[in-house]
Amino acid sequence: MMLRVQILRYAATGVALSLLYSAIYWGLASPLAVAPLLANSAAFVATTAAGYAIHSRWSFAGRGRRSARARLIFALVNLAAFALNSVWVWAITGPLHGGVELPLIPILLVTPWLSFFANRQWAFRA
């Protein structure tokens, strides 16, 4: 499948997953005053399983095998993305004293693209 199609599908799926992630994170961290890193963890857990199902069946359809190895690599890529998002949350809401909504900027604009290229290269490679 062409890279352009994969990017468009990944972006469409990513927007939906990002909205879900943002709603869970912000809903917990802001109105409910849950610790931002805990809210980040909850959002990660809720969106990762859905992300694998959608990305493996649609975003990267026809690319690579859906083996146990591919699922493991997908999990590792997502754990790395979770770690990166946790750094954003920790740095922005901790040492930088930013509001709980500010980590959503790099979470939505940086991490998804790094995840796309890592998943395309390693989890769903041809």
N, C-alpha and C. Protein backbone atom coordinates (compact mmCIF):
# COMPACT_ATOMS: atom_id res chain seq x y z
N MET A 1 0.85 -1.17 0.00
CA MET A 1 0.00 0.00 0.00
C MET A 1 0.89 1.23 0.00
N MET A 2 0.46 2.23 -0.69
CA MET A 2 1.25 3.45 -0.78
C MET A 2 1.33 4.16 0.56
N LEU A 3 2.48 4.78 0.76
CA LEU A 3 2.72 5.52 1.99
C LEU A 3 1.65 6.58 2.21
N ARG A 4 1.25 7.28 1.16
CA ARG A 4 0.27 8.36 1.29
C ARG A 4 -1.06 7.84 1.83
N VAL A 5 -1.50 6.69 1.34
CA VAL A 5 -2.75 6.10 1.82
C VAL A 5 -2.62 5.71 3.28
N GLN A 6 -1.48 5.12 3.65
CA GLN A 6 -1.27 4.75 5.04
C GLN A 6 -1.28 5.98 5.95
N ILE A 7 -0.63 7.04 5.51
CA ILE A 7 -0.60 8.26 6.31
C ILE A 7 -2.02 8.81 6.48
N LEU A 8 -2.81 8.83 5.41
CA LEU A 8 -4.18 9.35 5.50
C LEU A 8 -5.04 8.49 6.44
N ARG A 9 -4.92 7.17 6.30
CA ARG A 9 -5.69 6.29 7.18
C ARG A 9 -5.22 6.42 8.62
N TYR A 10 -3.91 6.47 8.81
CA TYR A 10 -3.36 6.61 10.16
C TYR A 10 -3.82 7.93 10.77
N ALA A 11 -3.82 8.98 9.97
CA ALA A 11 -4.24 10.30 10.46
C ALA A 11 -5.72 10.28 10.85
N ALA A 12 -6.57 9.68 10.03
CA ALA A 12 -8.00 9.62 10.34
C ALA A 12 -8.24 8.84 11.63
N THR A 13 -7.60 7.69 11.72
CA THR A 13 -7.71 6.89 12.94
C THR A 13 -7.11 7.62 14.12
N GLY A 14 -5.95 8.23 13.88
CA GLY A 14 -5.24 8.94 14.93
C GLY A 14 -6.05 10.09 15.50
N VAL A 15 -6.77 10.79 14.64
CA VAL A 15 -7.60 11.90 15.12
C VAL A 15 -8.66 11.37 16.09
N ALA A 16 -9.32 10.29 15.71
CA ALA A 16 -10.35 9.71 16.58
C ALA A 16 -9.74 9.23 17.90
N LEU A 17 -8.63 8.51 17.81
CA LEU A 17 -7.98 8.01 19.03
C LEU A 17 -7.44 9.15 19.88
N SER A 18 -6.93 10.19 19.23
CA SER A 18 -6.41 11.34 19.96
C SER A 18 -7.51 12.10 20.69
N LEU A 19 -8.67 12.19 20.05
CA LEU A 19 -9.81 12.84 20.72
C LEU A 19 -10.24 12.02 21.94
N LEU A 20 -10.27 10.70 21.79
CA LEU A 20 -10.61 9.84 22.93
C LEU A 20 -9.56 9.98 24.03
N TYR A 21 -8.28 9.92 23.65
CA TYR A 21 -7.18 10.05 24.60
C TYR A 21 -7.28 11.39 25.34
N SER A 22 -7.48 12.46 24.58
CA SER A 22 -7.57 13.80 25.16
C SER A 22 -8.74 13.92 26.12
N ALA A 23 -9.88 13.36 25.72
CA ALA A 23 -11.07 13.44 26.57
C ALA A 23 -10.84 12.70 27.89
N ILE A 24 -10.23 11.53 27.81
CA ILE A 24 -9.97 10.77 29.03
C ILE A 24 -8.95 11.49 29.90
N TYR A 25 -7.83 11.89 29.28
CA TYR A 25 -6.77 12.57 30.04
C TYR A 25 -7.29 13.85 30.68
N TRP A 26 -7.84 14.73 29.87
CA TRP A 26 -8.29 16.02 30.39
C TRP A 26 -9.44 15.85 31.38
N GLY A 27 -10.38 14.95 31.06
CA GLY A 27 -11.52 14.73 31.94
C GLY A 27 -11.10 14.27 33.32
N LEU A 28 -10.08 13.44 33.37
CA LEU A 28 -9.59 12.98 34.67
C LEU A 28 -8.72 14.04 35.35
N ALA A 29 -7.81 14.64 34.59
CA ALA A 29 -6.82 15.55 35.18
C ALA A 29 -7.40 16.90 35.57
N SER A 30 -8.37 17.38 34.81
CA SER A 30 -8.87 18.72 35.10
C SER A 30 -10.09 18.71 36.02
N PRO A 31 -11.27 18.34 35.54
CA PRO A 31 -12.43 18.44 36.44
C PRO A 31 -12.37 17.48 37.63
N LEU A 32 -11.78 16.31 37.44
CA LEU A 32 -11.74 15.34 38.54
C LEU A 32 -10.46 15.44 39.38
N ALA A 33 -9.51 16.27 38.96
CA ALA A 33 -8.26 16.52 39.69
C ALA A 33 -7.45 15.25 39.98
N VAL A 34 -7.51 14.29 39.05
CA VAL A 34 -6.65 13.11 39.14
C VAL A 34 -5.24 13.56 38.78
N ALA A 35 -4.24 12.99 39.41
CA ALA A 35 -2.85 13.33 39.10
C ALA A 35 -2.62 13.17 37.60
N PRO A 36 -1.98 14.16 36.95
CA PRO A 36 -1.80 14.12 35.50
C PRO A 36 -1.15 12.83 34.98
N LEU A 37 -0.15 12.31 35.66
CA LEU A 37 0.49 11.08 35.18
C LEU A 37 -0.44 9.88 35.28
N LEU A 38 -1.29 9.86 36.27
CA LEU A 38 -2.29 8.79 36.39
C LEU A 38 -3.34 8.93 35.29
N ALA A 39 -3.76 10.14 35.01
CA ALA A 39 -4.71 10.39 33.92
C ALA A 39 -4.10 9.99 32.58
N ASN A 40 -2.82 10.27 32.39
CA ASN A 40 -2.11 9.87 31.19
C ASN A 40 -2.11 8.35 31.05
N SER A 41 -1.88 7.65 32.14
CA SER A 41 -1.87 6.19 32.13
C SER A 41 -3.24 5.62 31.75
N ALA A 42 -4.28 6.18 32.31
CA ALA A 42 -5.63 5.71 32.00
C ALA A 42 -5.96 5.93 30.53
N ALA A 43 -5.58 7.09 30.01
CA ALA A 43 -5.84 7.38 28.60
C ALA A 43 -5.06 6.42 27.69
N PHE A 44 -3.83 6.12 28.06
CA PHE A 44 -3.00 5.19 27.29
C PHE A 44 -3.65 3.81 27.24
N VAL A 45 -4.04 3.28 28.37
CA VAL A 45 -4.63 1.94 28.43
C VAL A 45 -5.90 1.89 27.58
N ALA A 46 -6.72 2.91 27.68
CA ALA A 46 -7.99 2.91 26.96
C ALA A 46 -7.83 2.97 25.45
N THR A 47 -6.81 3.64 24.98
CA THR A 47 -6.67 3.83 23.53
C THR A 47 -5.73 2.84 22.85
N THR A 48 -4.87 2.16 23.58
CA THR A 48 -3.90 1.26 22.94
C THR A 48 -4.55 0.04 22.31
N ALA A 49 -5.44 -0.62 23.00
CA ALA A 49 -6.10 -1.81 22.45
C ALA A 49 -6.91 -1.44 21.21
N ALA A 50 -7.65 -0.35 21.30
CA ALA A 50 -8.43 0.10 20.14
C ALA A 50 -7.50 0.47 19.00
N GLY A 51 -6.37 1.09 19.33
CA GLY A 51 -5.41 1.48 18.30
C GLY A 51 -4.85 0.30 17.53
N TYR A 52 -4.51 -0.78 18.23
CA TYR A 52 -3.98 -1.95 17.53
C TYR A 52 -5.03 -2.54 16.60
N ALA A 53 -6.25 -2.69 17.08
CA ALA A 53 -7.31 -3.27 16.27
C ALA A 53 -7.54 -2.45 15.00
N ILE A 54 -7.62 -1.15 15.15
CA ILE A 54 -7.91 -0.29 14.00
C ILE A 54 -6.70 -0.19 13.07
N HIS A 55 -5.52 0.06 13.63
CA HIS A 55 -4.34 0.22 12.78
C HIS A 55 -3.98 -1.07 12.05
N SER A 56 -4.09 -2.20 12.71
CA SER A 56 -3.70 -3.45 12.05
C SER A 56 -4.70 -3.85 10.97
N ARG A 57 -5.96 -3.49 11.15
CA ARG A 57 -6.98 -3.88 10.17
C ARG A 57 -7.24 -2.84 9.09
N TRP A 58 -6.89 -1.59 9.36
CA TRP A 58 -7.24 -0.56 8.40
C TRP A 58 -6.05 0.32 8.02
N SER A 59 -5.42 0.99 8.98
CA SER A 59 -4.33 1.92 8.66
C SER A 59 -3.21 1.23 7.90
N PHE A 60 -2.83 0.05 8.38
CA PHE A 60 -1.74 -0.70 7.75
C PHE A 60 -2.26 -1.99 7.11
N ALA A 61 -3.48 -1.98 6.62
CA ALA A 61 -4.07 -3.17 5.99
C ALA A 61 -3.20 -3.63 4.83
N GLY A 62 -2.96 -4.93 4.79
CA GLY A 62 -2.17 -5.50 3.71
C GLY A 62 -0.68 -5.30 3.85
N ARG A 63 -0.23 -4.74 4.94
CA ARG A 63 1.19 -4.50 5.14
C ARG A 63 1.67 -5.34 6.31
N GLY A 64 2.60 -6.22 6.05
CA GLY A 64 3.18 -7.03 7.11
C GLY A 64 2.27 -8.14 7.59
N ARG A 65 2.76 -8.90 8.52
CA ARG A 65 2.02 -10.01 9.10
C ARG A 65 1.52 -9.61 10.49
N ARG A 66 0.46 -10.26 10.91
CA ARG A 66 -0.09 -10.01 12.24
C ARG A 66 0.33 -11.12 13.19
N SER A 67 1.61 -11.30 13.29
CA SER A 67 2.19 -12.35 14.12
C SER A 67 2.31 -11.89 15.56
N ALA A 68 2.68 -12.83 16.42
CA ALA A 68 2.94 -12.48 17.82
C ALA A 68 4.08 -11.48 17.90
N ARG A 69 5.07 -11.62 17.02
CA ARG A 69 6.20 -10.69 16.98
C ARG A 69 5.72 -9.28 16.64
N ALA A 70 4.84 -9.15 15.65
CA ALA A 70 4.31 -7.84 15.25
C ALA A 70 3.53 -7.21 16.40
N ARG A 71 2.74 -8.03 17.11
CA ARG A 71 1.98 -7.50 18.25
C ARG A 71 2.92 -7.04 19.36
N LEU A 72 3.98 -7.80 19.58
CA LEU A 72 4.97 -7.41 20.60
C LEU A 72 5.64 -6.10 20.22
N ILE A 73 6.03 -5.97 18.97
CA ILE A 73 6.68 -4.73 18.52
C ILE A 73 5.70 -3.56 18.63
N PHE A 74 4.44 -3.79 18.23
CA PHE A 74 3.43 -2.74 18.37
C PHE A 74 3.32 -2.32 19.84
N ALA A 75 3.30 -3.29 20.73
CA ALA A 75 3.22 -2.98 22.16
C ALA A 75 4.44 -2.19 22.62
N LEU A 76 5.62 -2.57 22.15
CA LEU A 76 6.84 -1.85 22.54
C LEU A 76 6.85 -0.43 22.01
N VAL A 77 6.41 -0.25 20.76
CA VAL A 77 6.33 1.10 20.19
C VAL A 77 5.35 1.94 21.01
N ASN A 78 4.23 1.35 21.38
CA ASN A 78 3.24 2.10 22.16
C ASN A 78 3.72 2.37 23.58
N LEU A 79 4.48 1.45 24.15
CA LEU A 79 5.07 1.73 25.46
C LEU A 79 6.07 2.88 25.38
N ALA A 80 6.84 2.93 24.29
CA ALA A 80 7.76 4.05 24.09
C ALA A 80 6.98 5.36 23.93
N ALA A 81 5.86 5.31 23.21
CA ALA A 81 5.02 6.50 23.05
C ALA A 81 4.42 6.91 24.40
N PHE A 82 4.01 5.93 25.18
CA PHE A 82 3.50 6.20 26.53
C PHE A 82 4.58 6.87 27.38
N ALA A 83 5.80 6.35 27.30
CA ALA A 83 6.91 6.95 28.07
C ALA A 83 7.14 8.39 27.63
N LEU A 84 7.12 8.62 26.31
CA LEU A 84 7.31 9.98 25.80
C LEU A 84 6.18 10.90 26.28
N ASN A 85 4.94 10.41 26.19
CA ASN A 85 3.81 11.22 26.68
C ASN A 85 3.93 11.49 28.17
N SER A 86 4.43 10.51 28.90
CA SER A 86 4.62 10.70 30.34
C SER A 86 5.67 11.78 30.62
N VAL A 87 6.70 11.81 29.79
CA VAL A 87 7.72 12.87 29.93
C VAL A 87 7.09 14.23 29.66
N TRP A 88 6.27 14.31 28.60
CA TRP A 88 5.59 15.59 28.30
C TRP A 88 4.76 16.02 29.51
N VAL A 89 3.95 15.09 30.03
CA VAL A 89 3.06 15.41 31.15
C VAL A 89 3.88 15.82 32.37
N TRP A 90 4.87 15.02 32.71
CA TRP A 90 5.69 15.31 33.89
C TRP A 90 6.39 16.67 33.76
N ALA A 91 7.06 16.89 32.62
CA ALA A 91 7.84 18.12 32.45
C ALA A 91 6.95 19.36 32.44
N ILE A 92 5.85 19.28 31.73
CA ILE A 92 5.01 20.46 31.57
C ILE A 92 4.21 20.77 32.83
N THR A 93 3.64 19.72 33.46
CA THR A 93 2.83 19.99 34.66
C THR A 93 3.67 20.03 35.93
N GLY A 94 4.89 19.53 35.86
CA GLY A 94 5.77 19.52 37.02
C GLY A 94 6.73 20.69 37.01
N PRO A 95 7.98 20.46 36.56
CA PRO A 95 9.00 21.51 36.61
C PRO A 95 8.63 22.82 35.89
N LEU A 96 7.86 22.72 34.79
CA LEU A 96 7.49 23.94 34.05
C LEU A 96 6.22 24.61 34.60
N HIS A 97 5.54 23.94 35.53
CA HIS A 97 4.34 24.49 36.20
C HIS A 97 3.24 24.89 35.22
N GLY A 98 3.11 24.13 34.13
CA GLY A 98 2.06 24.42 33.16
C GLY A 98 0.75 23.77 33.55
N GLY A 99 -0.30 24.20 32.91
CA GLY A 99 -1.61 23.63 33.17
C GLY A 99 -1.72 22.21 32.63
N VAL A 100 -2.69 21.46 33.13
CA VAL A 100 -2.84 20.06 32.72
C VAL A 100 -3.21 19.91 31.26
N GLU A 101 -3.71 20.95 30.64
CA GLU A 101 -4.07 20.87 29.22
C GLU A 101 -2.86 21.03 28.30
N LEU A 102 -1.80 21.65 28.76
CA LEU A 102 -0.64 21.94 27.89
C LEU A 102 0.10 20.72 27.37
N PRO A 103 0.20 19.62 28.11
CA PRO A 103 0.87 18.44 27.54
C PRO A 103 0.15 17.87 26.31
N LEU A 104 -1.12 18.21 26.15
CA LEU A 104 -1.85 17.71 24.99
C LEU A 104 -1.26 18.23 23.68
N ILE A 105 -0.58 19.35 23.72
CA ILE A 105 0.01 19.90 22.49
C ILE A 105 1.05 18.94 21.91
N PRO A 106 2.13 18.60 22.64
CA PRO A 106 3.07 17.64 22.06
C PRO A 106 2.51 16.23 21.98
N ILE A 107 1.60 15.87 22.88
CA ILE A 107 0.97 14.54 22.81
C ILE A 107 0.22 14.37 21.51
N LEU A 108 -0.42 15.43 21.04
CA LEU A 108 -1.20 15.36 19.81
C LEU A 108 -0.41 15.68 18.55
N LEU A 109 0.65 16.47 18.68
CA LEU A 109 1.37 16.92 17.49
C LEU A 109 2.72 16.22 17.23
N VAL A 110 3.33 15.66 18.26
CA VAL A 110 4.65 15.04 18.10
C VAL A 110 4.59 13.52 18.20
N THR A 111 4.07 13.04 19.29
CA THR A 111 4.09 11.59 19.55
C THR A 111 3.41 10.77 18.45
N PRO A 112 2.24 11.16 17.92
CA PRO A 112 1.61 10.32 16.89
C PRO A 112 2.48 10.10 15.65
N TRP A 113 3.22 11.12 15.24
CA TRP A 113 4.05 10.95 14.03
C TRP A 113 5.24 10.05 14.30
N LEU A 114 5.82 10.17 15.47
CA LEU A 114 6.91 9.25 15.82
C LEU A 114 6.38 7.82 15.88
N SER A 115 5.19 7.65 16.42
CA SER A 115 4.58 6.32 16.50
C SER A 115 4.27 5.77 15.11
N PHE A 116 3.77 6.62 14.22
CA PHE A 116 3.46 6.18 12.86
C PHE A 116 4.69 5.59 12.20
N PHE A 117 5.77 6.34 12.19
CA PHE A 117 6.97 5.87 11.49
C PHE A 117 7.59 4.65 12.18
N ALA A 118 7.53 4.58 13.49
CA ALA A 118 8.05 3.41 14.20
C ALA A 118 7.19 2.18 13.91
N ASN A 119 5.87 2.33 13.94
CA ASN A 119 5.00 1.20 13.63
C ASN A 119 5.14 0.75 12.17
N ARG A 120 5.23 1.71 11.28
CA ARG A 120 5.37 1.36 9.86
C ARG A 120 6.71 0.64 9.62
N GLN A 121 7.74 1.10 10.27
CA GLN A 121 9.08 0.53 10.07
C GLN A 121 9.23 -0.84 10.73
N TRP A 122 8.67 -0.99 11.93
CA TRP A 122 8.96 -2.20 12.70
C TRP A 122 7.77 -3.13 12.90
N ALA A 123 6.60 -2.62 13.27
CA ALA A 123 5.48 -3.50 13.58
C ALA A 123 4.74 -3.96 12.34
N PHE A 124 4.55 -3.08 11.38
CA PHE A 124 3.77 -3.40 10.18
C PHE A 124 4.61 -3.28 8.92
N ARG A 125 5.84 -3.73 8.99
CA ARG A 125 6.69 -3.60 7.81
C ARG A 125 6.38 -4.69 6.81
N ALA A 126 6.62 -4.37 5.57
CA ALA A 126 6.31 -5.30 4.49
C ALA A 126 7.27 -6.47 4.49
